[in-house]
């Protein structure tokens, strides 16, 4: 993906379901930091740890399941 970005084929790189453990394992080795990380996010599940890591690289959070199941 970084090669495609360098060649101008794509404008940005995003990831999904990147937990704090995965983030710490892989993201420091990337030359290009992700523009977005799509993760489950809801009022009762705010993903504070990963959001703190994402803030350091200005990565935006894209929420899926923002209202949880609707049956809670």
Protein backbone atom coordinates (compact mmCIF):
# COMPACT_ATOMS: atom_id res chain seq x y z
CA UNK A 1 0.00 0.00 0.00
CA UNK A 2 2.85 2.37 0.76
CA UNK A 3 4.30 1.69 -2.69
CA UNK A 4 0.95 2.47 -4.32
CA UNK A 5 0.73 5.72 -2.34
CA UNK A 6 4.28 6.69 -3.36
CA UNK A 7 3.35 6.08 -7.00
CA UNK A 8 0.27 8.31 -6.65
CA UNK A 9 -2.18 5.46 -7.23
CA UNK A 10 -3.91 6.09 -3.90
CA UNK A 11 -4.16 9.16 -1.67
CA UNK A 12 -4.26 7.59 1.77
CA UNK A 13 -4.08 4.30 3.64
CA UNK A 14 -6.63 3.10 6.16
CA UNK A 15 -6.88 0.09 8.46
CA UNK A 16 -9.74 -1.64 10.22
CA UNK A 17 -10.15 -3.46 13.51
CA UNK A 18 -6.64 -2.45 14.55
CA UNK A 19 -6.44 -3.08 18.29
CA UNK A 20 -3.88 -1.43 20.56
CA UNK A 21 -1.75 -4.59 20.52
CA UNK A 22 -1.76 -4.77 16.71
CA UNK A 23 -1.18 -1.02 16.47
CA UNK A 24 1.91 -1.22 18.68
CA UNK A 25 3.20 -4.24 16.75
CA UNK A 26 2.86 -2.88 13.22
CA UNK A 27 2.24 0.87 12.97
CA UNK A 28 5.64 2.03 14.30
CA UNK A 29 7.27 0.18 11.37
CA UNK A 30 5.15 1.87 8.70
CA UNK A 31 6.60 4.84 6.84
CA UNK A 32 3.06 6.08 6.20
CA UNK A 33 0.73 6.20 9.18
CA UNK A 34 -2.93 5.24 8.56
CA UNK A 35 -5.34 8.06 7.81
CA UNK A 36 -8.20 6.14 9.45
CA UNK A 37 -8.89 3.11 11.59
CA UNK A 38 -12.38 1.63 11.37
CA UNK A 39 -13.29 0.07 14.72
CA UNK A 40 -16.36 -0.73 16.77
CA UNK A 41 -17.22 2.42 18.71
CA UNK A 42 -20.30 3.23 20.77
CA UNK A 43 -21.27 5.32 23.81
CA UNK A 44 -20.63 2.34 26.08
CA UNK A 45 -17.56 1.11 24.17
CA UNK A 46 -15.36 4.12 23.55
CA UNK A 47 -12.04 2.47 22.66
CA UNK A 48 -10.03 4.90 24.82
CA UNK A 49 -6.70 3.05 24.58
CA UNK A 50 -6.61 2.81 20.78
CA UNK A 51 -7.91 6.37 20.41
CA UNK A 52 -4.96 7.62 22.48
CA UNK A 53 -2.50 5.81 20.18
CA UNK A 54 -4.29 7.07 17.08
CA UNK A 55 -4.13 10.67 18.31
CA UNK A 56 -0.33 10.49 18.31
CA UNK A 57 -0.34 9.90 14.54
CA UNK A 58 -3.41 12.06 13.78
CA UNK A 59 -5.28 8.95 12.62
CA UNK A 60 -9.05 9.43 12.49
CA UNK A 61 -11.51 6.95 13.96
CA UNK A 62 -14.24 5.64 11.69
CA UNK A 63 -16.96 4.08 13.80
CA UNK A 64 -18.90 0.98 12.92
CA UNK A 65 -21.73 -0.19 15.11
CA UNK A 66 -22.09 3.33 16.57
CA UNK A 67 -25.43 2.54 18.21
CA UNK A 68 -24.53 -1.04 19.22
CA UNK A 69 -27.07 -3.75 18.56
CA UNK A 70 -30.18 -1.70 19.28
CA UNK A 71 -31.51 -4.48 21.46
CA UNK A 72 -29.56 -3.63 24.62
